[in-house]
Amino acid sequence: MKRKDLEGSPHGELFPGARAAAFGGRQTMLNHVVLDHGVTVPEHSHPEEQITYVLSGRLAFQIEGEVCEVAAGEAVWVPGGATHAVRALEPSVVLDVFSPVRPDLLEKFGG
């Protein structure tokens, strides 16, 4: 059995004002991310699809030029290869689910 306390694990810097801890299996992974108010995750893309579930706070998500606000209890899907960016409208905590696994995040933030 593989197990990890994502909330209690050390979080490394993802971007200035954004910290993450990762956990993964063979084909799916989680990334627990803490975002300071006002932080922007710059526009980027990756081949893996992503679902972001907001545990607390509120975000402005931009996916392929379309902007939507996502609040606690809501989730958003980012297709693989889609250009996207995120801005924290208040202090926020999210759980990102990636499939397949992103080895870059697992290596950087523990797996």
PDB file of N, CA and C in Angstrom:
ATOM      1  N   MET A   1       0.852  -1.181   0.000  1.00  0.00           N
ATOM      2  CA  MET A   1       0.000   0.000   0.000  1.00  0.00           C
ATOM      3  C   MET A   1       0.890   1.234   0.000  1.00  0.00           C
ATOM      4  N   LYS A   2       0.501   2.212  -0.780  1.00  0.00           N
ATOM      5  CA  LYS A   2       1.211   3.486  -0.836  1.00  0.00           C
ATOM      6  C   LYS A   2       0.300   4.539  -0.216  1.00  0.00           C
ATOM      7  N   ARG A   3       0.862   5.383   0.644  1.00  0.00           N
ATOM      8  CA  ARG A   3       0.047   6.346   1.385  1.00  0.00           C
ATOM      9  C   ARG A   3       0.856   7.613   1.642  1.00  0.00           C
ATOM     10  N   LYS A   4       0.164   8.774   1.670  1.00  0.00           N
ATOM     11  CA  LYS A   4       0.860  10.038   1.948  1.00  0.00           C
ATOM     12  C   LYS A   4      -0.123  11.043   2.540  1.00  0.00           C
ATOM     13  N   ASP A   5       0.328  11.777   3.534  1.00  0.00           N
ATOM     14  CA  ASP A   5      -0.443  12.882   4.116  1.00  0.00           C
ATOM     15  C   ASP A   5      -0.154  14.131   3.281  1.00  0.00           C
ATOM     16  N   LEU A   6      -1.000  14.421   2.295  1.00  0.00           N
ATOM     17  CA  LEU A   6      -0.738  15.550   1.391  1.00  0.00           C
ATOM     18  C   LEU A   6      -0.777  16.896   2.108  1.00  0.00           C
ATOM     19  N   GLU A   7      -1.729  17.086   3.012  1.00  0.00           N
ATOM     20  CA  GLU A   7      -1.821  18.370   3.714  1.00  0.00           C
ATOM     21  C   GLU A   7      -0.642  18.576   4.650  1.00  0.00           C
ATOM     22  N   GLY A   8      -0.177  17.492   5.283  1.00  0.00           N
ATOM     23  CA  GLY A   8       0.898  17.602   6.263  1.00  0.00           C
ATOM     24  C   GLY A   8       2.295  17.492   5.689  1.00  0.00           C
ATOM     25  N   SER A   9       2.417  17.144   4.421  1.00  0.00           N
ATOM     26  CA  SER A   9       3.735  16.990   3.794  1.00  0.00           C
ATOM     27  C   SER A   9       4.355  18.345   3.494  1.00  0.00           C
ATOM     28  N   PRO A  10       5.684  18.404   3.473  1.00  0.00           N
ATOM     29  CA  PRO A  10       6.329  19.650   3.042  1.00  0.00           C
ATOM     30  C   PRO A  10       5.903  19.985   1.615  1.00  0.00           C
ATOM     31  N   HIS A  11       5.629  21.254   1.381  1.00  0.00           N
ATOM     32  CA  HIS A  11       5.233  21.730   0.062  1.00  0.00           C
ATOM     33  C   HIS A  11       6.382  22.536  -0.535  1.00  0.00           C
ATOM     34  N   GLY A  12       6.761  22.201  -1.763  1.00  0.00           N
ATOM     35  CA  GLY A  12       7.805  22.943  -2.458  1.00  0.00           C
ATOM     36  C   GLY A  12       7.207  24.035  -3.328  1.00  0.00           C
ATOM     37  N   GLU A  13       8.041  24.986  -3.721  1.00  0.00           N
ATOM     38  CA  GLU A  13       7.548  26.109  -4.529  1.00  0.00           C
ATOM     39  C   GLU A  13       7.274  25.673  -5.967  1.00  0.00           C
ATOM     40  N   LEU A  14       6.018  25.807  -6.367  1.00  0.00           N
ATOM     41  CA  LEU A  14       5.589  25.526  -7.737  1.00  0.00           C
ATOM     42  C   LEU A  14       5.850  26.753  -8.603  1.00  0.00           C
ATOM     43  N   PHE A  15       5.383  27.903  -8.117  1.00  0.00           N
ATOM     44  CA  PHE A  15       5.618  29.237  -8.665  1.00  0.00           C
ATOM     45  C   PHE A  15       5.678  30.152  -7.452  1.00  0.00           C
ATOM     46  N   PRO A  16       6.217  31.365  -7.575  1.00  0.00           N
ATOM     47  CA  PRO A  16       6.175  32.275  -6.426  1.00  0.00           C
ATOM     48  C   PRO A  16       4.720  32.435  -5.933  1.00  0.00           C
ATOM     49  N   GLY A  17       4.504  32.140  -4.659  1.00  0.00           N
ATOM     50  CA  GLY A  17       3.165  32.238  -4.076  1.00  0.00           C
ATOM     51  C   GLY A  17       2.323  30.991  -4.239  1.00  0.00           C
ATOM     52  N   ALA A  18       2.902  29.929  -4.803  1.00  0.00           N
ATOM     53  CA  ALA A  18       2.183  28.660  -4.985  1.00  0.00           C
ATOM     54  C   ALA A  18       3.095  27.518  -4.552  1.00  0.00           C
ATOM     55  N   ARG A  19       2.592  26.694  -3.606  1.00  0.00           N
ATOM     56  CA  ARG A  19       3.367  25.587  -3.072  1.00  0.00           C
ATOM     57  C   ARG A  19       2.615  24.279  -3.301  1.00  0.00           C
ATOM     58  N   ALA A  20       3.359  23.179  -3.535  1.00  0.00           N
ATOM     59  CA  ALA A  20       2.708  21.922  -3.889  1.00  0.00           C
ATOM     60  C   ALA A  20       3.359  20.717  -3.229  1.00  0.00           C
ATOM     61  N   ALA A  21       2.541  19.683  -3.033  1.00  0.00           N
ATOM     62  CA  ALA A  21       2.990  18.352  -2.616  1.00  0.00           C
ATOM     63  C   ALA A  21       2.275  17.355  -3.525  1.00  0.00           C
ATOM     64  N   ALA A  22       3.008  16.369  -4.045  1.00  0.00           N
ATOM     65  CA  ALA A  22       2.451  15.441  -5.026  1.00  0.00           C
ATOM     66  C   ALA A  22       2.391  14.014  -4.494  1.00  0.00           C
ATOM     67  N   PHE A  23       1.468  13.243  -5.090  1.00  0.00           N
ATOM     68  CA  PHE A  23       1.312  11.829  -4.773  1.00  0.00           C
ATOM     69  C   PHE A  23       0.826  11.130  -6.027  1.00  0.00           C
ATOM     70  N   GLY A  24       1.465  10.027  -6.395  1.00  0.00           N
ATOM     71  CA  GLY A  24       1.060   9.387  -7.633  1.00  0.00           C
ATOM     72  C   GLY A  24       1.099   7.884  -7.605  1.00  0.00           C
ATOM     73  N   GLY A  25       0.333   7.329  -8.531  1.00  0.00           N
ATOM     74  CA  GLY A  25       0.327   5.900  -8.780  1.00  0.00           C
ATOM     75  C   GLY A  25       0.960   5.642 -10.133  1.00  0.00           C
ATOM     76  N   ARG A  26       0.512   4.599 -10.803  1.00  0.00           N
ATOM     77  CA  ARG A  26       1.075   4.260 -12.113  1.00  0.00           C
ATOM     78  C   ARG A  26       0.561   5.163 -13.229  1.00  0.00           C
ATOM     79  N   GLN A  27      -0.734   5.531 -13.185  1.00  0.00           N
ATOM     80  CA  GLN A  27      -1.321   6.277 -14.297  1.00  0.00           C
ATOM     81  C   GLN A  27      -2.019   7.570 -13.886  1.00  0.00           C
ATOM     82  N   THR A  28      -2.164   7.800 -12.593  1.00  0.00           N
ATOM     83  CA  THR A  28      -2.872   8.983 -12.102  1.00  0.00           C
ATOM     84  C   THR A  28      -2.100   9.571 -10.942  1.00  0.00           C
ATOM     85  N   MET A  29      -2.175  10.890 -10.794  1.00  0.00           N
ATOM     86  CA  MET A  29      -1.510  11.536  -9.660  1.00  0.00           C
ATOM     87  C   MET A  29      -2.337  12.695  -9.134  1.00  0.00           C
ATOM     88  N   LEU A  30      -2.041  13.070  -7.891  1.00  0.00           N
ATOM     89  CA  LEU A  30      -2.643  14.227  -7.227  1.00  0.00           C
ATOM     90  C   LEU A  30      -1.552  15.239  -6.931  1.00  0.00           C
ATOM     91  N   ASN A  31      -1.917  16.502  -7.017  1.00  0.00           N
ATOM     92  CA  ASN A  31      -1.015  17.575  -6.634  1.00  0.00           C
ATOM     93  C   ASN A  31      -1.804  18.504  -5.710  1.00  0.00           C
ATOM     94  N   HIS A  32      -1.419  18.559  -4.444  1.00  0.00           N
ATOM     95  CA  HIS A  32      -2.072  19.423  -3.453  1.00  0.00           C
ATOM     96  C   HIS A  32      -1.375  20.779  -3.527  1.00  0.00           C
ATOM     97  N   VAL A  33      -2.118  21.826  -3.889  1.00  0.00           N
ATOM     98  CA  VAL A  33      -1.508  23.128  -4.152  1.00  0.00           C
ATOM     99  C   VAL A  33      -2.128  24.194  -3.251  1.00  0.00           C
ATOM    100  N   VAL A  34      -1.263  24.986  -2.603  1.00  0.00           N
ATOM    101  CA  VAL A  34      -1.677  26.112  -1.763  1.00  0.00           C
ATOM    102  C   VAL A  34      -1.272  27.388  -2.502  1.00  0.00           C
ATOM    103  N   LEU A  35      -2.258  28.268  -2.742  1.00  0.00           N
ATOM    104  CA  LEU A  35      -2.035  29.495  -3.508  1.00  0.00           C
ATOM    105  C   LEU A  35      -2.292  30.719  -2.640  1.00  0.00           C
ATOM    106  N   ASP A  36      -1.352  31.643  -2.630  1.00  0.00           N
ATOM    107  CA  ASP A  36      -1.553  32.909  -1.930  1.00  0.00           C
ATOM    108  C   ASP A  36      -2.509  33.792  -2.728  1.00  0.00           C
ATOM    109  N   HIS A  37      -3.198  34.690  -2.035  1.00  0.00           N
ATOM    110  CA  HIS A  37      -4.093  35.638  -2.706  1.00  0.00           C
ATOM    111  C   HIS A  37      -3.322  36.435  -3.751  1.00  0.00           C
ATOM    112  N   GLY A  38      -3.874  36.514  -4.949  1.00  0.00           N
ATOM    113  CA  GLY A  38      -3.277  37.322  -6.008  1.00  0.00           C
ATOM    114  C   GLY A  38      -2.242  36.627  -6.853  1.00  0.00           C
ATOM    115  N   VAL A  39      -1.790  35.439  -6.461  1.00  0.00           N
ATOM    116  CA  VAL A  39      -0.771  34.746  -7.248  1.00  0.00           C
ATOM    117  C   VAL A  39      -1.347  34.331  -8.601  1.00  0.00           C
ATOM    118  N   THR A  40      -0.499  34.389  -9.617  1.00  0.00           N
ATOM    119  CA  THR A  40      -0.887  33.933 -10.944  1.00  0.00           C
ATOM    120  C   THR A  40       0.020  32.790 -11.366  1.00  0.00           C
ATOM    121  N   VAL A  41      -0.592  31.686 -11.746  1.00  0.00           N
ATOM    122  CA  VAL A  41       0.146  30.586 -12.363  1.00  0.00           C
ATOM    123  C   VAL A  41       0.169  30.937 -13.848  1.00  0.00           C
ATOM    124  N   PRO A  42       1.348  31.189 -14.402  1.00  0.00           N
ATOM    125  CA  PRO A  42       1.446  31.680 -15.782  1.00  0.00           C
ATOM    126  C   PRO A  42       0.843  30.710 -16.799  1.00  0.00           C
ATOM    127  N   GLU A  43       0.466  31.268 -17.934  1.00  0.00           N
ATOM    128  CA  GLU A  43      -0.087  30.459 -19.020  1.00  0.00           C
ATOM    129  C   GLU A  43       0.904  29.364 -19.415  1.00  0.00           C
ATOM    130  N   HIS A  44       0.397  28.144 -19.534  1.00  0.00           N
ATOM    131  CA  HIS A  44       1.225  26.996 -19.885  1.00  0.00           C
ATOM    132  C   HIS A  44       0.335  25.884 -20.430  1.00  0.00           C
ATOM    133  N   SER A  45       0.958  24.838 -20.901  1.00  0.00           N
ATOM    134  CA  SER A  45       0.216  23.647 -21.314  1.00  0.00           C
ATOM    135  C   SER A  45       1.069  22.421 -21.034  1.00  0.00           C
ATOM    136  N   HIS A  46       0.434  21.273 -20.985  1.00  0.00           N
ATOM    137  CA  HIS A  46       1.115  19.993 -20.801  1.00  0.00           C
ATOM    138  C   HIS A  46       0.240  18.934 -21.446  1.00  0.00           C
ATOM    139  N   PRO A  47       0.833  17.829 -21.875  1.00  0.00           N
ATOM    140  CA  PRO A  47       0.049  16.814 -22.579  1.00  0.00           C
ATOM    141  C   PRO A  47      -0.960  16.063 -21.700  1.00  0.00           C
ATOM    142  N   GLU A  48      -0.751  16.073 -20.400  1.00  0.00           N
ATOM    143  CA  GLU A  48      -1.644  15.350 -19.487  1.00  0.00           C
ATOM    144  C   GLU A  48      -2.950  16.127 -19.303  1.00  0.00           C
ATOM    145  N   GLU A  49      -4.073  15.404 -19.176  1.00  0.00           N
ATOM    146  CA  GLU A  49      -5.306  16.097 -18.825  1.00  0.00           C
ATOM    147  C   GLU A  49      -5.294  16.362 -17.323  1.00  0.00           C
ATOM    148  N   GLN A  50      -6.045  17.380 -16.915  1.00  0.00           N
ATOM    149  CA  GLN A  50      -6.022  17.847 -15.528  1.00  0.00           C
ATOM    150  C   GLN A  50      -7.443  18.148 -15.082  1.00  0.00           C
ATOM    151  N   ILE A  51      -7.757  17.742 -13.869  1.00  0.00           N
ATOM    152  CA  ILE A  51      -8.987  18.188 -13.209  1.00  0.00           C
ATOM    153  C   ILE A  51      -8.545  18.890 -11.942  1.00  0.00           C
ATOM    154  N   THR A  52      -9.009  20.118 -11.746  1.00  0.00           N
ATOM    155  CA  THR A  52      -8.699  20.877 -10.538  1.00  0.00           C
ATOM    156  C   THR A  52      -9.961  20.975  -9.695  1.00  0.00           C
ATOM    157  N   TYR A  53      -9.859  20.502  -8.450  1.00  0.00           N
ATOM    158  CA  TYR A  53     -10.955  20.595  -7.490  1.00  0.00           C
ATOM    159  C   TYR A  53     -10.548  21.613  -6.426  1.00  0.00           C
ATOM    160  N   VAL A  54     -11.376  22.630  -6.235  1.00  0.00           N
ATOM    161  CA  VAL A  54     -11.067  23.698  -5.276  1.00  0.00           C
ATOM    162  C   VAL A  54     -11.556  23.282  -3.896  1.00  0.00           C
ATOM    163  N   LEU A  55     -10.606  23.097  -2.972  1.00  0.00           N
ATOM    164  CA  LEU A  55     -10.935  22.733  -1.594  1.00  0.00           C
ATOM    165  C   LEU A  55     -11.357  23.960  -0.799  1.00  0.00           C
ATOM    166  N   SER A  56     -10.669  25.088  -1.037  1.00  0.00           N
ATOM    167  CA  SER A  56     -11.036  26.344  -0.370  1.00  0.00           C
ATOM    168  C   SER A  56     -10.567  27.500  -1.246  1.00  0.00           C
ATOM    169  N   GLY A  57     -11.259  28.628  -1.131  1.00  0.00           N
ATOM    170  CA  GLY A  57     -10.877  29.815  -1.881  1.00  0.00           C
ATOM    171  C   GLY A  57     -11.640  29.957  -3.189  1.00  0.00           C
ATOM    172  N   ARG A  58     -11.077  30.767  -4.085  1.00  0.00           N
ATOM    173  CA  ARG A  58     -11.724  31.087  -5.356  1.00  0.00           C
ATOM    174  C   ARG A  58     -10.655  31.440  -6.379  1.00  0.00           C
ATOM    175  N   LEU A  59     -10.790  30.900  -7.595  1.00  0.00           N
ATOM    176  CA  LEU A  59      -9.809  31.095  -8.650  1.00  0.00           C
ATOM    177  C   LEU A  59     -10.466  31.630  -9.919  1.00  0.00           C
ATOM    178  N   ALA A  60      -9.677  32.345 -10.711  1.00  0.00           N
ATOM    179  CA  ALA A  60     -10.067  32.684 -12.081  1.00  0.00           C
ATOM    180  C   ALA A  60      -9.229  31.773 -12.969  1.00  0.00           C
ATOM    181  N   PHE A  61      -9.887  30.890 -13.677  1.00  0.00           N
ATOM    182  CA  PHE A  61      -9.228  29.922 -14.556  1.00  0.00           C
ATOM    183  C   PHE A  61      -9.395  30.392 -15.987  1.00  0.00           C
ATOM    184  N   GLN A  62      -8.314  30.409 -16.738  1.00  0.00           N
ATOM    185  CA  GLN A  62      -8.380  30.720 -18.171  1.00  0.00           C
ATOM    186  C   GLN A  62      -7.925  29.476 -18.926  1.00  0.00           C
ATOM    187  N   ILE A  63      -8.812  28.955 -19.762  1.00  0.00           N
ATOM    188  CA  ILE A  63      -8.501  27.757 -20.554  1.00  0.00           C
ATOM    189  C   ILE A  63      -8.783  28.086 -22.014  1.00  0.00           C
ATOM    190  N   GLU A  64      -7.728  28.050 -22.839  1.00  0.00           N
ATOM    191  CA  GLU A  64      -7.857  28.355 -24.264  1.00  0.00           C
ATOM    192  C   GLU A  64      -8.597  29.679 -24.482  1.00  0.00           C
ATOM    193  N   GLY A  65      -8.271  30.681 -23.652  1.00  0.00           N
ATOM    194  CA  GLY A  65      -8.840  32.012 -23.793  1.00  0.00           C
ATOM    195  C   GLY A  65     -10.174  32.226 -23.103  1.00  0.00           C
ATOM    196  N   GLU A  66     -10.835  31.170 -22.656  1.00  0.00           N
ATOM    197  CA  GLU A  66     -12.111  31.286 -21.955  1.00  0.00           C
ATOM    198  C   GLU A  66     -11.863  31.374 -20.457  1.00  0.00           C
ATOM    199  N   VAL A  67     -12.470  32.365 -19.786  1.00  0.00           N
ATOM    200  CA  VAL A  67     -12.251  32.577 -18.351  1.00  0.00           C
ATOM    201  C   VAL A  67     -13.498  32.196 -17.572  1.00  0.00           C
ATOM    202  N   CYS A  68     -13.284  31.500 -16.449  1.00  0.00           N
ATOM    203  CA  CYS A  68     -14.388  31.202 -15.538  1.00  0.00           C
ATOM    204  C   CYS A  68     -13.862  31.263 -14.107  1.00  0.00           C
ATOM    205  N   GLU A  69     -14.756  31.596 -13.195  1.00  0.00           N
ATOM    206  CA  GLU A  69     -14.414  31.567 -11.777  1.00  0.00           C
ATOM    207  C   GLU A  69     -14.808  30.211 -11.220  1.00  0.00           C
ATOM    208  N   VAL A  70     -13.939  29.670 -10.368  1.00  0.00           N
ATOM    209  CA  VAL A  70     -14.169  28.376  -9.749  1.00  0.00           C
ATOM    210  C   VAL A  70     -13.990  28.566  -8.246  1.00  0.00           C
ATOM    211  N   ALA A  71     -14.995  28.158  -7.466  1.00  0.00           N
ATOM    212  CA  ALA A  71     -14.975  28.360  -6.017  1.00  0.00           C
ATOM    213  C   ALA A  71     -14.930  27.019  -5.288  1.00  0.00           C
ATOM    214  N   ALA A  72     -14.764  27.091  -3.968  1.00  0.00           N
ATOM    215  CA  ALA A  72     -14.707  25.892  -3.132  1.00  0.00           C
ATOM    216  C   ALA A  72     -15.874  24.967  -3.452  1.00  0.00           C
ATOM    217  N   GLY A  73     -15.555  23.688  -3.633  1.00  0.00           N
ATOM    218  CA  GLY A  73     -16.563  22.690  -3.950  1.00  0.00           C
ATOM    219  C   GLY A  73     -16.764  22.479  -5.442  1.00  0.00           C
ATOM    220  N   GLU A  74     -16.135  23.307  -6.270  1.00  0.00           N
ATOM    221  CA  GLU A  74     -16.275  23.190  -7.717  1.00  0.00           C
ATOM    222  C   GLU A  74     -14.996  22.634  -8.338  1.00  0.00           C
ATOM    223  N   ALA A  75     -15.150  22.079  -9.528  1.00  0.00           N
ATOM    224  CA  ALA A  75     -14.017  21.514 -10.255  1.00  0.00           C
ATOM    225  C   ALA A  75     -14.044  22.011 -11.696  1.00  0.00           C
ATOM    226  N   VAL A  76     -12.877  21.983 -12.325  1.00  0.00           N
ATOM    227  CA  VAL A  76     -12.751  22.372 -13.729  1.00  0.00           C
ATOM    228  C   VAL A  76     -11.838  21.359 -14.416  1.00  0.00           C
ATOM    229  N   TRP A  77     -12.148  21.053 -15.676  1.00  0.00           N
ATOM    230  CA  TRP A  77     -11.365  20.104 -16.464  1.00  0.00           C
ATOM    231  C   TRP A  77     -10.531  20.848 -17.489  1.00  0.00           C
ATOM    232  N   VAL A  78      -9.258  20.503 -17.569  1.00  0.00           N
ATOM    233  CA  VAL A  78      -8.344  21.072 -18.555  1.00  0.00           C
ATOM    234  C   VAL A  78      -7.914  19.929 -19.473  1.00  0.00           C
ATOM    235  N   PRO A  79      -8.315  19.961 -20.745  1.00  0.00           N
ATOM    236  CA  PRO A  79      -7.899  18.891 -21.660  1.00  0.00           C
ATOM    237  C   PRO A  79      -6.384  18.883 -21.840  1.00  0.00           C
ATOM    238  N   GLY A  80      -5.824  17.718 -22.105  1.00  0.00           N
ATOM    239  CA  GLY A  80      -4.399  17.627 -22.397  1.00  0.00           C
ATOM    240  C   GLY A  80      -4.041  18.522 -23.573  1.00  0.00           C
ATOM    241  N   GLY A  81      -2.948  19.276 -23.437  1.00  0.00           N
ATOM    242  CA  GLY A  81      -2.487  20.166 -24.488  1.00  0.00           C
ATOM    243  C   GLY A  81      -3.127  21.539 -24.499  1.00  0.00           C
ATOM    244  N   ALA A  82      -4.153  21.759 -23.679  1.00  0.00           N
ATOM    245  CA  ALA A  82      -4.841  23.058 -23.651  1.00  0.00           C
ATOM    246  C   ALA A  82      -3.994  24.106 -22.927  1.00  0.00           C
ATOM    247  N   THR A  83      -3.919  25.297 -23.487  1.00  0.00           N
ATOM    248  CA  THR A  83      -3.225  26.404 -22.838  1.00  0.00           C
ATOM    249  C   THR A  83      -4.118  26.927 -21.718  1.00  0.00           C
ATOM    250  N   HIS A  84      -3.532  27.106 -20.524  1.00  0.00           N
ATOM    251  CA  HIS A  84      -4.328  27.575 -19.388  1.00  0.00           C
ATOM    252  C   HIS A  84      -3.460  28.358 -18.401  1.00  0.00           C
ATOM    253  N   ALA A  85      -4.136  29.174 -17.591  1.00  0.00           N
ATOM    254  CA  ALA A  85      -3.510  29.978 -16.541  1.00  0.00           C
ATOM    255  C   ALA A  85      -4.507  30.086 -15.404  1.00  0.00           C
ATOM    256  N   VAL A  86      -3.998  30.414 -14.211  1.00  0.00           N
ATOM    257  CA  VAL A  86      -4.857  30.512 -13.029  1.00  0.00           C
ATOM    258  C   VAL A  86      -4.439  31.725 -12.211  1.00  0.00           C
ATOM    259  N   ARG A  87      -5.437  32.452 -11.668  1.00  0.00           N
ATOM    260  CA  ARG A  87      -5.165  33.552 -10.735  1.00  0.00           C
ATOM    261  C   ARG A  87      -6.001  33.312  -9.482  1.00  0.00           C
ATOM    262  N   ALA A  88      -5.344  33.381  -8.320  1.00  0.00           N
ATOM    263  CA  ALA A  88      -6.041  33.187  -7.051  1.00  0.00           C
ATOM    264  C   ALA A  88      -6.727  34.489  -6.653  1.00  0.00           C
ATOM    265  N   LEU A  89      -8.048  34.472  -6.599  1.00  0.00           N
ATOM    266  CA  LEU A  89      -8.825  35.649  -6.226  1.00  0.00           C
ATOM    267  C   LEU A  89      -8.873  35.837  -4.714  1.00  0.00           C
ATOM    268  N   GLU A  90      -8.471  34.811  -3.990  1.00  0.00           N
ATOM    269  CA  GLU A  90      -8.313  34.836  -2.535  1.00  0.00           C
ATOM    270  C   GLU A  90      -7.393  33.671  -2.176  1.00  0.00           C
ATOM    271  N   PRO A  91      -6.910  33.588  -0.935  1.00  0.00           N
ATOM    272  CA  PRO A  91      -6.081  32.433  -0.587  1.00  0.00           C
ATOM    273  C   PRO A  91      -6.860  31.151  -0.913  1.00  0.00           C
ATOM    274  N   SER A  92      -6.202  30.198  -1.563  1.00  0.00           N
ATOM    275  CA  SER A  92      -6.915  29.015  -2.049  1.00  0.00           C
ATOM    276  C   SER A  92      -6.079  27.757  -1.872  1.00  0.00           C
ATOM    277  N   VAL A  93      -6.790  26.637  -1.760  1.00  0.00           N
ATOM    278  CA  VAL A  93      -6.160  25.319  -1.731  1.00  0.00           C
ATOM    279  C   VAL A  93      -6.900  24.472  -2.758  1.00  0.00           C
ATOM    280  N   VAL A  94      -6.130  23.822  -3.634  1.00  0.00           N
ATOM    281  CA  VAL A  94      -6.737  22.999  -4.671  1.00  0.00           C
ATOM    282  C   VAL A  94      -6.089  21.622  -4.708  1.00  0.00           C
ATOM    283  N   LEU A  95      -6.806  20.693  -5.298  1.00  0.00           N
ATOM    284  CA  LEU A  95      -6.294  19.370  -5.567  1.00  0.00           C
ATOM    285  C   LEU A  95      -6.340  19.178  -7.077  1.00  0.00           C
ATOM    286  N   ASP A  96      -5.165  19.079  -7.689  1.00  0.00           N
ATOM    287  CA  ASP A  96      -5.059  18.818  -9.123  1.00  0.00           C
ATOM    288  C   ASP A  96      -4.900  17.321  -9.332  1.00  0.00           C
ATOM    289  N   VAL A  97      -5.680  16.779 -10.256  1.00  0.00           N
ATOM    290  CA  VAL A  97      -5.580  15.376 -10.637  1.00  0.00           C
ATOM    291  C   VAL A  97      -5.063  15.346 -12.066  1.00  0.00           C
ATOM    292  N   PHE A  98      -3.999  14.587 -12.315  1.00  0.00           N
ATOM    293  CA  PHE A  98      -3.409  14.478 -13.643  1.00  0.00           C
ATOM    294  C   PHE A  98      -3.435  13.030 -14.111  1.00  0.00           C
ATOM    295  N   SER A  99      -3.717  12.852 -15.395  1.00  0.00           N
ATOM    296  CA  SER A  99      -3.625  11.547 -16.015  1.00  0.00           C
ATOM    297  C   SER A  99      -3.172  11.737 -17.458  1.00  0.00           C
ATOM    298  N   PRO A 100      -2.121  11.028 -17.871  1.00  0.00           N
ATOM    299  CA  PRO A 100      -1.280  10.165 -17.045  1.00  0.00           C
ATOM    300  C   PRO A 100      -0.443  10.985 -16.065  1.00  0.00           C
ATOM    301  N   VAL A 101       0.362  10.298 -15.311  1.00  0.00           N
ATOM    302  CA  VAL A 101       1.228  10.909 -14.302  1.00  0.00           C
ATOM    303  C   VAL A 101       2.172  11.923 -14.949  1.00  0.00           C
ATOM    304  N   ARG A 102       2.434  13.015 -14.226  1.00  0.00           N
ATOM    305  CA  ARG A 102       3.447  13.993 -14.640  1.00  0.00           C
ATOM    306  C   ARG A 102       4.719  13.732 -13.843  1.00  0.00           C
ATOM    307  N   PRO A 103       5.691  13.042 -14.440  1.00  0.00           N
ATOM    308  CA  PRO A 103       6.918  12.717 -13.705  1.00  0.00           C
ATOM    309  C   PRO A 103       7.649  13.942 -13.190  1.00  0.00           C
ATOM    310  N   ASP A 104       7.570  15.074 -13.909  1.00  0.00           N
ATOM    311  CA  ASP A 104       8.244  16.289 -13.470  1.00  0.00           C
ATOM    312  C   ASP A 104       7.730  16.746 -12.113  1.00  0.00           C
ATOM    313  N   LEU A 105       6.416  16.702 -11.905  1.00  0.00           N
ATOM    314  CA  LEU A 105       5.845  17.128 -10.619  1.00  0.00           C
ATOM    315  C   LEU A 105       6.124  16.111  -9.523  1.00  0.00           C
ATOM    316  N   LEU A 106       6.029  14.825  -9.850  1.00  0.00           N
ATOM    317  CA  LEU A 106       6.308  13.804  -8.828  1.00  0.00           C
ATOM    318  C   LEU A 106       7.745  13.893  -8.346  1.00  0.00           C
ATOM    319  N   GLU A 107       8.660  14.110  -9.267  1.00  0.00           N
ATOM    320  CA  GLU A 107      10.074  14.206  -8.885  1.00  0.00           C
ATOM    321  C   GLU A 107      10.335  15.445  -8.029  1.00  0.00           C
ATOM    322  N   LYS A 108       9.725  16.563  -8.406  1.00  0.00           N
ATOM    323  CA  LYS A 108       9.976  17.822  -7.697  1.00  0.00           C
ATOM    324  C   LYS A 108       9.272  17.891  -6.342  1.00  0.00           C
ATOM    325  N   PHE A 109       8.052  17.347  -6.244  1.00  0.00           N
ATOM    326  CA  PHE A 109       7.234  17.514  -5.042  1.00  0.00           C
ATOM    327  C   PHE A 109       6.965  16.227  -4.279  1.00  0.00           C
ATOM    328  N   GLY A 110       7.728  15.192  -4.541  1.00  0.00           N
ATOM    329  CA  GLY A 110       7.601  13.923  -3.808  1.00  0.00           C
ATOM    330  C   GLY A 110       6.451  13.095  -4.315  1.00  0.00           C
ATOM    331  N   GLY A 111       6.649  11.804  -4.364  1.00  0.00           N
ATOM    332  CA  GLY A 111       5.617  10.949  -4.945  1.00  0.00           C
ATOM    333  C   GLY A 111       5.090   9.924  -4.029  1.00  0.00           C
TER     334      GLY A 111
END
